[in-house]
């Protein structure tokens, strides 16, 4: 399921933590036991996008991941796939653009 909103743009070489909250997607009594992250390319070309996915964390229903060193002028899709105690698999995703240094924040790559 598409998360509400997209992430603000990163700059190449930055290292930031991004998070998704699965609370609204979980049925009563269910909880997350693991999360797998993926970073894929929506626009542009980057054959190494998954290599930027770093340390992950899961605290309750909040899953987070560190992304380090994306390439400029690429729009990535950051996806978290959660497995729950009731055997459900839930996906949350959002666009994560990477803008060149000095680009105005309003610049759109789409």
N, C-alpha and C. Protein backbone atom coordinates (compact mmCIF):
# COMPACT_ATOMS: atom_id res chain seq x y z
N UNK A 1 0.85 -1.17 0.00
CA UNK A 1 0.00 0.00 0.00
C UNK A 1 0.89 1.23 0.00
N UNK A 2 0.52 2.21 -0.76
CA UNK A 2 1.25 3.46 -0.80
C UNK A 2 1.11 4.17 0.54
N UNK A 3 2.23 4.59 1.10
CA UNK A 3 2.22 5.36 2.34
C UNK A 3 1.62 6.73 2.06
N UNK A 4 1.17 7.40 3.10
CA UNK A 4 0.64 8.75 2.94
C UNK A 4 1.81 9.70 2.71
N UNK A 5 1.87 10.27 1.53
CA UNK A 5 2.94 11.20 1.20
C UNK A 5 4.22 10.50 0.78
N UNK A 6 5.17 11.30 0.32
CA UNK A 6 6.48 10.82 -0.09
C UNK A 6 7.53 11.44 0.81
N UNK A 7 8.73 10.90 0.75
CA UNK A 7 9.82 11.45 1.56
C UNK A 7 10.38 12.71 0.91
N UNK A 8 10.91 13.61 1.74
CA UNK A 8 11.58 14.78 1.20
C UNK A 8 12.86 14.33 0.52
N UNK A 9 13.32 15.07 -0.49
CA UNK A 9 14.49 14.64 -1.25
C UNK A 9 15.76 14.56 -0.41
N UNK A 10 16.60 13.59 -0.78
CA UNK A 10 17.96 13.48 -0.24
C UNK A 10 18.90 14.13 -1.24
N UNK A 11 20.15 14.35 -0.82
CA UNK A 11 21.23 14.75 -1.72
C UNK A 11 22.17 13.56 -1.86
N UNK A 12 22.90 13.47 -2.96
CA UNK A 12 23.83 12.35 -3.13
C UNK A 12 24.84 12.33 -1.99
N UNK A 13 25.15 11.15 -1.52
CA UNK A 13 26.14 10.99 -0.46
C UNK A 13 25.59 11.14 0.94
N UNK A 14 24.36 11.61 1.10
CA UNK A 14 23.78 11.75 2.44
C UNK A 14 23.47 10.39 3.03
N UNK A 15 23.33 10.38 4.35
CA UNK A 15 22.93 9.18 5.10
C UNK A 15 21.82 9.60 6.04
N UNK A 16 20.61 9.04 5.82
CA UNK A 16 19.45 9.42 6.62
C UNK A 16 18.63 8.20 7.00
N UNK A 17 17.86 8.35 8.07
CA UNK A 17 16.95 7.29 8.52
C UNK A 17 15.54 7.63 8.06
N UNK A 18 14.85 6.63 7.50
CA UNK A 18 13.48 6.76 7.04
C UNK A 18 12.64 5.70 7.75
N UNK A 19 11.36 6.01 7.97
CA UNK A 19 10.52 5.09 8.75
C UNK A 19 9.11 5.02 8.20
N UNK A 20 8.49 3.87 8.46
CA UNK A 20 7.07 3.65 8.20
C UNK A 20 6.42 3.16 9.48
N UNK A 21 5.20 3.63 9.73
CA UNK A 21 4.40 3.19 10.87
C UNK A 21 3.28 2.30 10.34
N UNK A 22 3.28 1.03 10.74
CA UNK A 22 2.31 0.05 10.25
C UNK A 22 1.03 -0.01 11.09
N UNK A 23 0.90 0.82 12.10
CA UNK A 23 -0.22 0.73 13.04
C UNK A 23 -1.57 0.67 12.35
N UNK A 24 -1.82 1.54 11.39
CA UNK A 24 -3.13 1.61 10.74
C UNK A 24 -3.43 0.40 9.85
N UNK A 25 -2.40 -0.36 9.49
CA UNK A 25 -2.57 -1.50 8.58
C UNK A 25 -2.71 -2.83 9.31
N UNK A 26 -2.52 -2.83 10.62
CA UNK A 26 -2.57 -4.07 11.38
C UNK A 26 -3.95 -4.34 11.96
N UNK A 27 -4.47 -5.56 11.78
CA UNK A 27 -5.73 -5.91 12.45
C UNK A 27 -5.52 -6.02 13.96
N UNK A 28 -6.57 -5.90 14.70
CA UNK A 28 -6.50 -5.99 16.16
C UNK A 28 -5.84 -7.30 16.57
N UNK A 29 -4.90 -7.22 17.48
CA UNK A 29 -4.22 -8.39 18.00
C UNK A 29 -3.02 -8.85 17.19
N UNK A 30 -2.77 -8.23 16.06
CA UNK A 30 -1.64 -8.62 15.21
C UNK A 30 -0.47 -7.68 15.49
N UNK A 31 0.75 -8.17 15.32
CA UNK A 31 1.93 -7.33 15.49
C UNK A 31 3.02 -7.77 14.51
N UNK A 32 3.95 -6.88 14.27
CA UNK A 32 5.02 -7.13 13.31
C UNK A 32 6.14 -7.93 13.97
N UNK A 33 6.63 -8.94 13.27
CA UNK A 33 7.77 -9.71 13.80
C UNK A 33 9.05 -9.50 12.98
N UNK A 34 8.93 -9.06 11.73
CA UNK A 34 10.12 -8.78 10.93
C UNK A 34 9.77 -7.85 9.78
N UNK A 35 10.80 -7.16 9.29
CA UNK A 35 10.64 -6.24 8.16
C UNK A 35 11.83 -6.41 7.22
N UNK A 36 11.54 -6.48 5.93
CA UNK A 36 12.57 -6.51 4.89
C UNK A 36 12.41 -5.25 4.05
N UNK A 37 13.52 -4.56 3.80
CA UNK A 37 13.50 -3.30 3.06
C UNK A 37 14.03 -3.49 1.65
N UNK A 38 13.48 -2.72 0.71
CA UNK A 38 14.04 -2.68 -0.64
C UNK A 38 14.04 -1.25 -1.14
N UNK A 39 15.05 -0.93 -1.95
CA UNK A 39 15.17 0.37 -2.58
C UNK A 39 15.32 0.12 -4.07
N UNK A 40 14.29 0.45 -4.83
CA UNK A 40 14.30 0.21 -6.27
C UNK A 40 14.20 1.54 -7.01
N UNK A 41 14.47 1.51 -8.29
CA UNK A 41 14.48 2.74 -9.10
C UNK A 41 13.14 2.91 -9.81
N UNK A 42 12.54 4.09 -9.64
CA UNK A 42 11.33 4.47 -10.37
C UNK A 42 11.69 5.20 -11.65
N UNK A 43 12.60 6.19 -11.53
CA UNK A 43 13.00 7.01 -12.66
C UNK A 43 14.51 7.15 -12.65
N UNK A 44 15.14 6.86 -13.78
CA UNK A 44 16.58 6.93 -13.89
C UNK A 44 17.18 5.54 -13.95
N UNK A 45 18.48 5.46 -13.71
CA UNK A 45 19.17 4.18 -13.76
C UNK A 45 20.19 4.09 -12.62
N UNK A 46 20.08 3.04 -11.84
CA UNK A 46 21.01 2.78 -10.75
C UNK A 46 20.98 1.27 -10.45
N UNK A 47 21.91 0.51 -11.02
CA UNK A 47 21.91 -0.93 -10.82
C UNK A 47 22.29 -1.37 -9.41
N UNK A 48 22.75 -0.43 -8.58
CA UNK A 48 23.21 -0.77 -7.23
C UNK A 48 22.31 -0.21 -6.13
N UNK A 49 21.06 0.09 -6.44
CA UNK A 49 20.20 0.78 -5.48
C UNK A 49 20.06 0.03 -4.15
N UNK A 50 20.00 -1.28 -4.17
CA UNK A 50 19.81 -2.04 -2.93
C UNK A 50 21.02 -1.92 -2.01
N UNK A 51 22.18 -1.57 -2.56
CA UNK A 51 23.40 -1.46 -1.74
C UNK A 51 23.36 -0.26 -0.79
N UNK A 52 22.43 0.67 -0.96
CA UNK A 52 22.33 1.84 -0.09
C UNK A 52 21.51 1.56 1.16
N UNK A 53 20.87 0.40 1.23
CA UNK A 53 20.03 0.03 2.38
C UNK A 53 20.94 -0.45 3.50
N UNK A 54 20.84 0.23 4.64
CA UNK A 54 21.71 -0.09 5.77
C UNK A 54 20.97 -0.65 6.95
N UNK A 55 21.37 -0.21 8.12
CA UNK A 55 20.84 -0.71 9.38
C UNK A 55 19.34 -0.49 9.49
N UNK A 56 18.66 -1.51 9.99
CA UNK A 56 17.21 -1.43 10.17
C UNK A 56 16.85 -1.54 11.64
N UNK A 57 15.65 -1.10 11.96
CA UNK A 57 15.16 -1.15 13.34
C UNK A 57 13.66 -1.39 13.31
N UNK A 58 13.18 -2.10 14.31
CA UNK A 58 11.75 -2.32 14.48
C UNK A 58 11.42 -2.10 15.95
N UNK A 59 10.61 -1.06 16.21
CA UNK A 59 10.17 -0.75 17.57
C UNK A 59 8.65 -0.70 17.54
N UNK A 60 8.02 -1.72 18.08
CA UNK A 60 6.57 -1.81 18.01
C UNK A 60 6.14 -1.92 16.57
N UNK A 61 5.32 -0.98 16.11
CA UNK A 61 4.84 -0.98 14.74
C UNK A 61 5.61 -0.02 13.83
N UNK A 62 6.68 0.58 14.37
CA UNK A 62 7.47 1.55 13.62
C UNK A 62 8.74 0.88 13.11
N UNK A 63 8.86 0.79 11.78
CA UNK A 63 10.04 0.20 11.15
C UNK A 63 10.86 1.32 10.53
N UNK A 64 12.18 1.26 10.73
CA UNK A 64 13.05 2.29 10.16
C UNK A 64 14.27 1.66 9.51
N UNK A 65 14.88 2.43 8.61
CA UNK A 65 16.05 1.97 7.87
C UNK A 65 16.95 3.16 7.56
N UNK A 66 18.26 2.92 7.53
CA UNK A 66 19.21 3.96 7.13
C UNK A 66 19.51 3.77 5.64
N UNK A 67 19.38 4.87 4.87
CA UNK A 67 19.74 4.89 3.46
C UNK A 67 20.96 5.79 3.32
N UNK A 68 22.01 5.27 2.67
CA UNK A 68 23.27 6.00 2.55
C UNK A 68 23.77 6.01 1.11
N UNK A 69 24.02 7.21 0.59
CA UNK A 69 24.73 7.37 -0.67
C UNK A 69 23.96 7.19 -1.95
N UNK A 70 22.69 7.60 -2.05
CA UNK A 70 21.98 7.44 -3.32
C UNK A 70 22.56 8.35 -4.41
N UNK A 71 22.20 8.06 -5.65
CA UNK A 71 22.69 8.84 -6.78
C UNK A 71 21.76 10.00 -7.10
N UNK A 72 22.34 11.08 -7.60
CA UNK A 72 21.57 12.26 -7.97
C UNK A 72 20.69 11.98 -9.19
N UNK A 73 19.57 12.68 -9.24
CA UNK A 73 18.62 12.65 -10.36
C UNK A 73 17.95 11.29 -10.53
N UNK A 74 17.78 10.58 -9.42
CA UNK A 74 17.08 9.30 -9.43
C UNK A 74 15.89 9.42 -8.48
N UNK A 75 14.76 8.87 -8.89
CA UNK A 75 13.64 8.72 -7.96
C UNK A 75 13.59 7.25 -7.59
N UNK A 76 13.78 7.00 -6.31
CA UNK A 76 13.74 5.64 -5.78
C UNK A 76 12.37 5.36 -5.18
N UNK A 77 12.06 4.08 -5.04
CA UNK A 77 10.89 3.65 -4.28
C UNK A 77 11.42 2.86 -3.09
N UNK A 78 11.13 3.36 -1.90
CA UNK A 78 11.53 2.69 -0.67
C UNK A 78 10.34 1.88 -0.18
N UNK A 79 10.55 0.56 -0.03
CA UNK A 79 9.48 -0.35 0.36
C UNK A 79 9.87 -1.12 1.61
N UNK A 80 8.94 -1.22 2.55
CA UNK A 80 9.10 -2.06 3.73
C UNK A 80 8.06 -3.16 3.67
N UNK A 81 8.50 -4.40 3.71
CA UNK A 81 7.60 -5.55 3.71
C UNK A 81 7.65 -6.18 5.09
N UNK A 82 6.53 -6.10 5.79
CA UNK A 82 6.45 -6.59 7.17
C UNK A 82 5.73 -7.94 7.22
N UNK A 83 6.24 -8.83 8.05
CA UNK A 83 5.57 -10.10 8.36
C UNK A 83 5.03 -9.99 9.77
N UNK A 84 3.79 -10.49 9.97
CA UNK A 84 3.13 -10.33 11.27
C UNK A 84 2.95 -11.67 11.99
N UNK A 85 2.59 -11.57 13.25
CA UNK A 85 2.38 -12.76 14.07
C UNK A 85 1.22 -13.61 13.57
N UNK A 86 0.27 -13.00 12.85
CA UNK A 86 -0.87 -13.75 12.32
C UNK A 86 -0.62 -14.24 10.89
N UNK A 87 0.62 -14.13 10.42
CA UNK A 87 0.97 -14.62 9.09
C UNK A 87 0.66 -13.68 7.95
N UNK A 88 0.31 -12.45 8.25
CA UNK A 88 0.05 -11.46 7.21
C UNK A 88 1.36 -10.88 6.68
N UNK A 89 1.35 -10.45 5.43
CA UNK A 89 2.47 -9.73 4.83
C UNK A 89 1.94 -8.38 4.37
N UNK A 90 2.55 -7.32 4.89
CA UNK A 90 2.11 -5.95 4.61
C UNK A 90 3.23 -5.17 3.96
N UNK A 91 2.91 -4.42 2.91
CA UNK A 91 3.88 -3.55 2.24
C UNK A 91 3.48 -2.09 2.43
N UNK A 92 4.45 -1.27 2.76
CA UNK A 92 4.30 0.18 2.69
C UNK A 92 5.44 0.71 1.83
N UNK A 93 5.14 1.68 0.97
CA UNK A 93 6.17 2.23 0.10
C UNK A 93 5.92 3.71 -0.13
N UNK A 94 7.00 4.41 -0.51
CA UNK A 94 6.91 5.83 -0.85
C UNK A 94 8.06 6.18 -1.78
N UNK A 95 7.88 7.25 -2.55
CA UNK A 95 8.95 7.74 -3.40
C UNK A 95 10.01 8.43 -2.56
N UNK A 96 11.28 8.24 -2.94
CA UNK A 96 12.40 8.90 -2.28
C UNK A 96 13.30 9.48 -3.37
N UNK A 97 13.12 10.76 -3.69
CA UNK A 97 13.95 11.36 -4.73
C UNK A 97 15.32 11.77 -4.19
N UNK A 98 16.30 11.75 -5.09
CA UNK A 98 17.63 12.24 -4.75
C UNK A 98 17.97 13.37 -5.71
N UNK A 99 18.12 14.57 -5.18
CA UNK A 99 18.38 15.76 -5.99
C UNK A 99 19.85 16.14 -5.89
N UNK A 100 20.42 16.71 -6.95
CA UNK A 100 21.80 17.17 -6.90
C UNK A 100 21.97 18.30 -5.90
N UNK A 101 23.17 18.44 -5.36
CA UNK A 101 23.45 19.54 -4.45
C UNK A 101 23.12 20.87 -5.11
N UNK A 102 22.48 21.74 -4.38
CA UNK A 102 22.14 23.06 -4.89
C UNK A 102 20.82 23.13 -5.63
N UNK A 103 20.17 21.98 -5.86
CA UNK A 103 18.88 22.00 -6.55
C UNK A 103 17.82 22.56 -5.62
N UNK A 104 16.93 23.41 -6.12
CA UNK A 104 15.88 23.94 -5.26
C UNK A 104 14.97 22.80 -4.77
N UNK A 105 14.49 22.88 -3.52
CA UNK A 105 13.65 21.80 -2.98
C UNK A 105 12.38 21.58 -3.77
N UNK A 106 11.94 22.60 -4.51
CA UNK A 106 10.71 22.46 -5.28
C UNK A 106 10.94 21.76 -6.61
N UNK A 107 12.21 21.51 -6.96
CA UNK A 107 12.50 20.86 -8.25
C UNK A 107 11.90 19.45 -8.25
N UNK A 108 11.23 19.14 -9.30
CA UNK A 108 10.61 17.81 -9.42
C UNK A 108 11.36 17.00 -10.46
N UNK A 109 11.60 15.75 -10.17
CA UNK A 109 12.26 14.87 -11.13
C UNK A 109 11.25 14.10 -11.97
N UNK A 110 9.98 14.15 -11.60
CA UNK A 110 8.96 13.38 -12.33
C UNK A 110 8.47 14.10 -13.54
